[in-house]
Amino acid sequence: MSRSGPLSCVVLALLLGAACSSSDSKSVAPSAIGSAGSPSNGSGGASEGGHAGVATGGAGGASANAAGSETAGASTAGASAGENDDGGPLADASRPSDAAGAIDSGRGNKILIYTNAAGFVHASIPAAAAAISKAATAKGLVPEQSKDTGKFVPAQLAQYAAIVLLATSGDAFGTPGTTQIQTLIDFVRGGGGLVAIEDANHAYDNSVPYVSLIGGDFNGHSAFGPDTCYKDGNHPSVVMLPVSFAVTDEIYYFTKFAADNQVVLRCGADKRPISWVRSEGAGRVFYTALGHADASWTSPPLVDGHVIPALMWTLGR
């Protein structure tokens, strides 16, 4: 091309509005703005979903666009990183969610109400089991009552969405119970719900895994009689309860109290913790010490205001 060629082309382009085409023209990388992996797209994703992973994917895509031929691969990697984070940040297992519907294990509606007590046997167990079964059925659940220690094998527990340990004192799953305890722990860690009531925490007192799962160990109680309970926060297991209410019960003391317990109910003049929730792997655990007498299970607020909401919370519903 002659030396006047480029100048002539420019003049013609200005007059006619046409683009110059020349082998001397330099290529320009396509703009990253607004592309699939661009910073603008990344920040838009972060703003929309609030996930850092989406923004990270966007930045990766922008770098790839500037690199030319690597655009497709890097943008795909950036998108994948964003997709992995779209589920939101992982929940802190030490801080149980207050949301009633935060999880749903997908295990169905069947629950096991386990009533075998090998230590002290509470006379209120039949009334409690009947009341929980009736209220659970009204919620669309399918309760099964059992004292069968053979339930605590993986194949058996797999059929349930949640387990209710109803005053299951002593070696309630058999002696020594090591395998059965681990099976229960695995069930909860895999997303199963666990509701422990009364002296279910007075079982396997020397088993660190069991006591750790429940969140504390029985250490005596005050005399049976009238007292007052006070809810602590607005967790689903207590949100339906009054701020304070009268009970006629034994107020338990505990030892080996887990640091990650979230106390939801306190009772007695000293407002000692009497009910709590905690997370175990992908599962949820609820414990309450209330329910010594039959009357607790046949009149408000224990069943409909405390135990059933807690059961539904362990199910993520």
Protein backbone atom coordinates (compact mmCIF):
# COMPACT_ATOMS: atom_id res chain seq x y z
CA MET A 1 0.00 0.00 0.00
CA SER A 2 1.32 3.52 -0.87
CA ARG A 3 2.12 6.03 1.86
CA SER A 4 -0.96 8.05 0.81
CA GLY A 5 -3.20 5.01 1.11
CA PRO A 6 -4.01 5.22 4.83
CA LEU A 7 -4.58 8.99 4.64
CA SER A 8 -6.91 8.61 1.67
CA CYS A 9 -8.82 5.91 3.48
CA VAL A 10 -9.28 8.12 6.49
CA VAL A 11 -10.56 11.01 4.33
CA LEU A 12 -12.98 8.71 2.52
CA ALA A 13 -14.13 7.27 5.84
CA LEU A 14 -14.89 10.73 7.18
CA LEU A 15 -16.80 11.70 4.01
CA LEU A 16 -18.70 8.46 3.50
CA GLY A 17 -19.03 7.09 7.08
CA ALA A 18 -17.32 3.85 6.04
CA ALA A 19 -14.76 1.85 8.03
CA CYS A 20 -11.15 1.56 6.95
CA SER A 21 -9.78 -1.88 6.27
CA SER A 22 -6.05 -2.30 6.12
CA SER A 23 -3.45 -4.87 6.89
CA ASP A 24 -1.70 -2.17 8.90
CA SER A 25 -4.68 -1.83 11.32
CA LYS A 26 -4.06 -3.20 14.85
CA SER A 27 -6.48 -5.68 16.45
CA VAL A 28 -8.28 -4.65 19.63
CA ALA A 29 -9.43 -7.14 22.31
CA PRO A 30 -13.22 -7.22 22.71
CA SER A 31 -14.53 -5.22 25.62
CA ALA A 32 -15.14 -7.21 28.83
CA ILE A 33 -17.95 -4.92 29.99
CA GLY A 34 -21.28 -6.67 30.02
CA SER A 35 -19.88 -10.06 28.95
CA ALA A 36 -20.79 -13.28 30.72
CA GLY A 37 -17.83 -13.07 33.03
CA SER A 38 -17.45 -9.31 33.23
CA PRO A 39 -17.04 -7.29 36.42
CA SER A 40 -20.43 -5.66 35.82
CA ASN A 41 -22.09 -9.05 35.57
CA GLY A 42 -20.22 -10.26 38.63
CA SER A 43 -21.24 -7.34 40.80
CA GLY A 44 -24.78 -7.69 39.54
CA GLY A 45 -24.81 -11.31 40.70
CA ALA A 46 -23.43 -10.38 44.09
CA SER A 47 -26.03 -7.68 44.50
CA GLU A 48 -28.83 -9.98 43.40
CA GLY A 49 -27.96 -13.07 45.42
CA GLY A 50 -25.49 -11.71 47.92
CA HIS A 51 -22.99 -14.48 47.18
CA ALA A 52 -19.28 -13.72 47.00
CA GLY A 53 -18.81 -16.74 44.74
CA VAL A 54 -20.82 -15.12 41.94
CA ALA A 55 -18.68 -12.00 42.07
CA THR A 56 -15.53 -14.14 42.05
CA GLY A 57 -16.78 -15.99 38.97
CA GLY A 58 -17.36 -12.64 37.23
CA ALA A 59 -13.86 -11.42 37.90
CA GLY A 60 -12.43 -14.68 36.59
CA GLY A 61 -14.48 -14.30 33.42
CA ALA A 62 -13.22 -10.74 32.86
CA SER A 63 -9.61 -11.87 33.06
CA ALA A 64 -10.34 -14.63 30.58
CA ASN A 65 -11.96 -12.21 28.11
CA ALA A 66 -8.83 -10.08 28.14
CA ALA A 67 -6.80 -13.22 27.46
CA GLY A 68 -8.56 -13.89 24.15
CA SER A 69 -8.70 -17.59 23.29
CA GLU A 70 -9.02 -18.65 26.98
CA THR A 71 -12.31 -16.77 27.38
CA ALA A 72 -14.65 -19.74 27.10
CA GLY A 73 -12.82 -22.03 29.50
CA ALA A 74 -12.18 -19.39 32.17
CA SER A 75 -15.71 -18.01 31.94
CA THR A 76 -17.12 -21.52 32.40
CA ALA A 77 -14.93 -22.02 35.45
CA GLY A 78 -16.07 -18.68 36.83
CA ALA A 79 -19.71 -19.58 36.27
CA SER A 80 -19.22 -22.94 37.98
CA ALA A 81 -17.68 -21.27 41.00
CA GLY A 82 -20.68 -18.97 41.22
CA GLU A 83 -23.13 -21.85 40.87
CA ASN A 84 -21.49 -23.74 43.71
CA ASP A 85 -22.07 -20.77 45.99
CA ASP A 86 -25.64 -20.11 44.90
CA GLY A 87 -26.91 -22.20 47.83
CA GLY A 88 -25.66 -19.52 50.19
CA PRO A 89 -23.02 -19.70 52.88
CA LEU A 90 -22.75 -22.90 54.87
CA ALA A 91 -24.64 -22.78 58.17
CA ASP A 92 -22.54 -22.64 61.31
CA ALA A 93 -23.32 -25.95 63.03
CA SER A 94 -22.68 -24.39 66.41
CA ARG A 95 -25.46 -21.84 65.88
CA PRO A 96 -28.79 -23.60 65.27
CA SER A 97 -31.05 -21.65 62.95
CA ASP A 98 -34.17 -20.06 64.42
CA ALA A 99 -35.94 -20.48 61.10
CA ALA A 100 -38.63 -23.16 61.26
CA GLY A 101 -38.11 -24.17 57.65
CA ALA A 102 -34.35 -23.82 57.20
CA ILE A 103 -33.86 -27.48 56.29
CA ASP A 104 -35.92 -30.48 55.30
CA SER A 105 -34.11 -33.81 55.31
CA GLY A 106 -36.46 -35.28 52.70
CA ARG A 107 -36.86 -38.40 54.85
CA GLY A 108 -40.64 -38.41 54.71
CA ASN A 109 -43.15 -38.10 57.53
CA LYS A 110 -42.56 -41.13 59.70
CA ILE A 111 -41.29 -40.57 63.24
CA LEU A 112 -40.27 -43.02 65.95
CA ILE A 113 -41.43 -42.36 69.52
CA TYR A 114 -39.08 -44.56 71.49
CA THR A 115 -40.24 -45.31 75.03
CA ASN A 116 -37.92 -47.98 76.44
CA ALA A 117 -36.59 -46.97 79.87
CA ALA A 118 -33.99 -49.18 81.54
CA GLY A 119 -33.49 -46.88 84.52
CA PHE A 120 -36.17 -44.88 86.31
CA VAL A 121 -39.52 -45.33 84.53
CA HIS A 122 -41.73 -42.25 84.46
CA ALA A 123 -45.40 -43.07 84.94
CA SER A 124 -46.26 -40.30 82.47
CA ILE A 125 -44.66 -42.08 79.49
CA PRO A 126 -47.93 -43.58 78.12
CA ALA A 127 -49.79 -40.26 78.42
CA ALA A 128 -46.88 -38.41 76.83
CA ALA A 129 -46.56 -40.88 73.95
CA ALA A 130 -50.29 -40.69 73.26
CA ALA A 131 -50.32 -36.88 73.32
CA ILE A 132 -47.28 -36.55 71.06
CA SER A 133 -48.68 -39.15 68.64
CA LYS A 134 -52.02 -37.36 68.39
CA ALA A 135 -50.50 -33.92 67.86
CA ALA A 136 -47.92 -35.24 65.39
CA THR A 137 -50.65 -36.95 63.37
CA ALA A 138 -52.53 -33.65 63.20
CA LYS A 139 -49.40 -32.15 61.63
CA GLY A 140 -49.36 -34.79 58.91
CA LEU A 141 -46.69 -36.97 60.50
CA VAL A 142 -46.88 -40.74 60.91
CA PRO A 143 -45.85 -41.66 64.48
CA GLU A 144 -44.81 -45.12 65.59
CA GLN A 145 -44.36 -46.02 69.25
CA SER A 146 -41.84 -48.69 70.15
CA LYS A 147 -39.68 -50.14 72.94
CA ASP A 148 -37.77 -52.36 70.54
CA THR A 149 -33.99 -51.99 71.01
CA GLY A 150 -33.60 -53.57 67.58
CA LYS A 151 -34.67 -50.26 66.06
CA PHE A 152 -31.19 -48.82 66.56
CA VAL A 153 -29.55 -50.24 63.47
CA PRO A 154 -29.02 -48.20 60.29
CA ALA A 155 -31.60 -50.03 58.19
CA GLN A 156 -34.30 -49.45 60.79
CA LEU A 157 -33.58 -45.80 61.60
CA ALA A 158 -33.35 -44.96 57.89
CA GLN A 159 -37.14 -45.19 57.61
CA TYR A 160 -37.72 -42.31 60.05
CA ALA A 161 -37.47 -38.55 59.66
CA ALA A 162 -37.04 -38.00 63.40
CA ILE A 163 -36.60 -39.92 66.64
CA VAL A 164 -38.28 -38.94 69.92
CA LEU A 165 -36.49 -40.32 72.99
CA LEU A 166 -39.26 -40.16 75.57
CA ALA A 167 -37.85 -40.47 79.09
CA THR A 168 -35.49 -43.20 77.92
CA SER A 169 -33.32 -43.55 81.02
CA GLY A 170 -30.55 -46.06 81.68
CA ASP A 171 -29.17 -48.34 78.97
CA ALA A 172 -32.24 -47.71 76.85
CA PHE A 173 -30.81 -49.19 73.63
CA GLY A 174 -29.18 -52.20 75.29
CA THR A 175 -25.89 -52.84 77.08
CA PRO A 176 -23.28 -51.58 76.47
CA GLY A 177 -25.09 -49.71 73.68
CA THR A 178 -21.93 -48.42 71.99
CA THR A 179 -22.96 -49.50 68.49
CA GLN A 180 -26.55 -48.30 68.93
CA ILE A 181 -25.40 -44.90 70.19
CA GLN A 182 -23.15 -44.46 67.16
CA THR A 183 -26.02 -45.48 64.89
CA LEU A 184 -28.18 -42.77 66.44
CA ILE A 185 -25.39 -40.20 66.10
CA ASP A 186 -24.92 -41.12 62.44
CA PHE A 187 -28.67 -40.81 61.89
CA VAL A 188 -28.69 -37.26 63.25
CA ARG A 189 -25.49 -36.22 61.49
CA GLY A 190 -27.04 -37.43 58.26
CA GLY A 191 -29.96 -35.00 58.67
CA GLY A 192 -32.35 -36.84 61.00
CA GLY A 193 -34.17 -34.98 63.76
CA LEU A 194 -33.80 -35.83 67.44
CA VAL A 195 -36.17 -34.85 70.26
CA ALA A 196 -35.06 -35.88 73.75
CA ILE A 197 -37.46 -35.50 76.68
CA GLU A 198 -37.16 -35.67 80.47
CA ASP A 199 -34.51 -38.13 81.63
CA ALA A 200 -33.45 -39.16 78.14
CA ASN A 201 -30.34 -37.32 79.31
CA HIS A 202 -30.03 -39.73 82.27
CA ALA A 203 -28.96 -42.54 79.95
CA TYR A 204 -25.47 -43.77 79.21
CA ASP A 205 -24.10 -41.21 81.64
CA ASN A 206 -20.52 -42.41 81.06
CA SER A 207 -20.79 -42.29 77.27
CA VAL A 208 -19.16 -39.10 76.02
CA PRO A 209 -20.65 -39.51 72.51
CA TYR A 210 -24.21 -39.90 73.84
CA VAL A 211 -24.01 -37.07 76.38
CA SER A 212 -22.44 -34.82 73.75
CA LEU A 213 -25.26 -35.61 71.32
CA ILE A 214 -27.97 -34.72 73.84
CA GLY A 215 -26.06 -31.67 75.09
CA GLY A 216 -25.90 -32.42 78.81
CA ASP A 217 -26.24 -35.03 81.55
CA PHE A 218 -28.81 -35.31 84.34
CA ASN A 219 -27.50 -34.17 87.73
CA GLY A 220 -30.52 -34.27 90.03
CA HIS A 221 -33.65 -32.12 90.33
CA SER A 222 -35.63 -29.98 92.70
CA ALA A 223 -38.67 -31.40 94.46
CA PHE A 224 -41.77 -31.93 92.35
CA GLY A 225 -44.07 -28.95 92.75
CA PRO A 226 -45.19 -25.57 91.38
CA ASP A 227 -42.64 -23.35 89.67
CA THR A 228 -42.25 -20.81 86.88
CA CYS A 229 -40.62 -21.10 83.48
CA TYR A 230 -39.33 -18.29 81.25
CA LYS A 231 -38.70 -18.53 77.55
CA ASP A 232 -35.29 -17.40 76.35
CA GLY A 233 -35.53 -15.85 72.87
CA ASN A 234 -38.00 -16.70 70.12
CA HIS A 235 -36.79 -20.01 68.78
CA PRO A 236 -39.60 -21.98 67.04
CA SER A 237 -39.66 -24.42 69.98
CA VAL A 238 -40.78 -21.64 72.36
CA VAL A 239 -42.20 -18.90 70.15
CA MET A 240 -45.78 -20.00 70.95
CA LEU A 241 -45.17 -19.98 74.71
CA PRO A 242 -45.97 -17.02 76.93
CA VAL A 243 -43.02 -14.99 78.20
CA SER A 244 -43.45 -16.80 81.52
CA PHE A 245 -45.84 -19.54 82.64
CA ALA A 246 -46.55 -21.73 85.63
CA VAL A 247 -45.59 -25.41 85.73
CA THR A 248 -45.90 -28.21 88.23
CA ASP A 249 -42.83 -30.29 87.61
CA GLU A 250 -39.32 -31.28 88.64
CA ILE A 251 -36.70 -28.73 87.60
CA TYR A 252 -33.59 -30.58 86.54
CA TYR A 253 -29.94 -29.77 87.14
CA PHE A 254 -27.33 -30.71 84.55
CA THR A 255 -23.66 -31.37 84.19
CA LYS A 256 -21.44 -31.75 81.10
CA PHE A 257 -23.42 -28.92 79.51
CA ALA A 258 -22.40 -28.50 75.87
CA ALA A 259 -20.91 -25.15 74.94
CA ASP A 260 -22.89 -25.03 71.69
CA ASN A 261 -26.31 -25.48 73.33
CA GLN A 262 -28.71 -22.66 72.52
CA VAL A 263 -30.90 -22.36 75.61
CA VAL A 264 -34.56 -21.69 74.76
CA LEU A 265 -36.28 -22.15 78.13
CA ARG A 266 -35.32 -21.54 81.76
CA CYS A 267 -37.19 -22.51 84.91
CA GLY A 268 -37.00 -21.97 88.64
CA ALA A 269 -36.08 -18.98 90.76
CA ASP A 270 -32.51 -19.24 89.49
CA LYS A 271 -33.72 -19.49 85.88
CA ARG A 272 -31.60 -22.52 85.17
CA PRO A 273 -31.58 -23.89 81.59
CA ILE A 274 -34.24 -26.55 81.14
CA SER A 275 -34.55 -26.78 77.36
CA TRP A 276 -32.12 -26.20 74.51
CA VAL A 277 -31.42 -26.87 70.85
CA ARG A 278 -28.21 -27.69 69.05
CA SER A 279 -26.94 -28.90 65.70
CA GLU A 280 -25.16 -32.19 65.06
CA GLY A 281 -23.78 -32.46 61.56
CA ALA A 282 -26.68 -31.96 59.16
CA GLY A 283 -29.24 -32.76 61.87
CA ARG A 284 -30.95 -30.90 64.69
CA VAL A 285 -31.35 -31.83 68.35
CA PHE A 286 -33.95 -30.55 70.83
CA TYR A 287 -34.07 -31.34 74.53
CA THR A 288 -36.60 -30.45 77.23
CA ALA A 289 -36.74 -31.66 80.82
CA LEU A 290 -40.42 -30.88 81.32
CA GLY A 291 -43.20 -33.47 81.46
CA HIS A 292 -42.94 -35.38 84.74
CA ALA A 293 -46.69 -35.63 85.40
CA ASP A 294 -49.54 -36.86 83.21
CA ALA A 295 -51.26 -33.48 83.54
CA SER A 296 -48.38 -31.81 81.70
CA TRP A 297 -49.26 -33.82 78.63
CA THR A 298 -53.02 -33.33 78.72
CA SER A 299 -53.16 -29.56 79.21
CA PRO A 300 -51.35 -26.62 77.60
CA PRO A 301 -48.74 -25.56 76.82
CA LEU A 302 -46.23 -28.44 76.77
CA VAL A 303 -47.38 -30.41 73.72
CA ASP A 304 -48.72 -27.87 71.24
CA GLY A 305 -46.61 -24.94 72.41
CA HIS A 306 -43.25 -26.60 72.99
CA VAL A 307 -42.66 -30.25 72.01
CA ILE A 308 -44.49 -30.34 68.66
CA PRO A 309 -43.06 -27.04 67.40
CA ALA A 310 -39.63 -28.37 68.42
CA LEU A 311 -40.25 -31.64 66.57
CA MET A 312 -41.23 -29.73 63.45
CA TRP A 313 -38.09 -27.61 63.79
CA THR A 314 -35.89 -30.73 63.91
CA LEU A 315 -37.58 -31.75 60.66
CA GLY A 316 -36.91 -28.35 59.12
CA ARG A 317 -40.62 -27.65 58.67
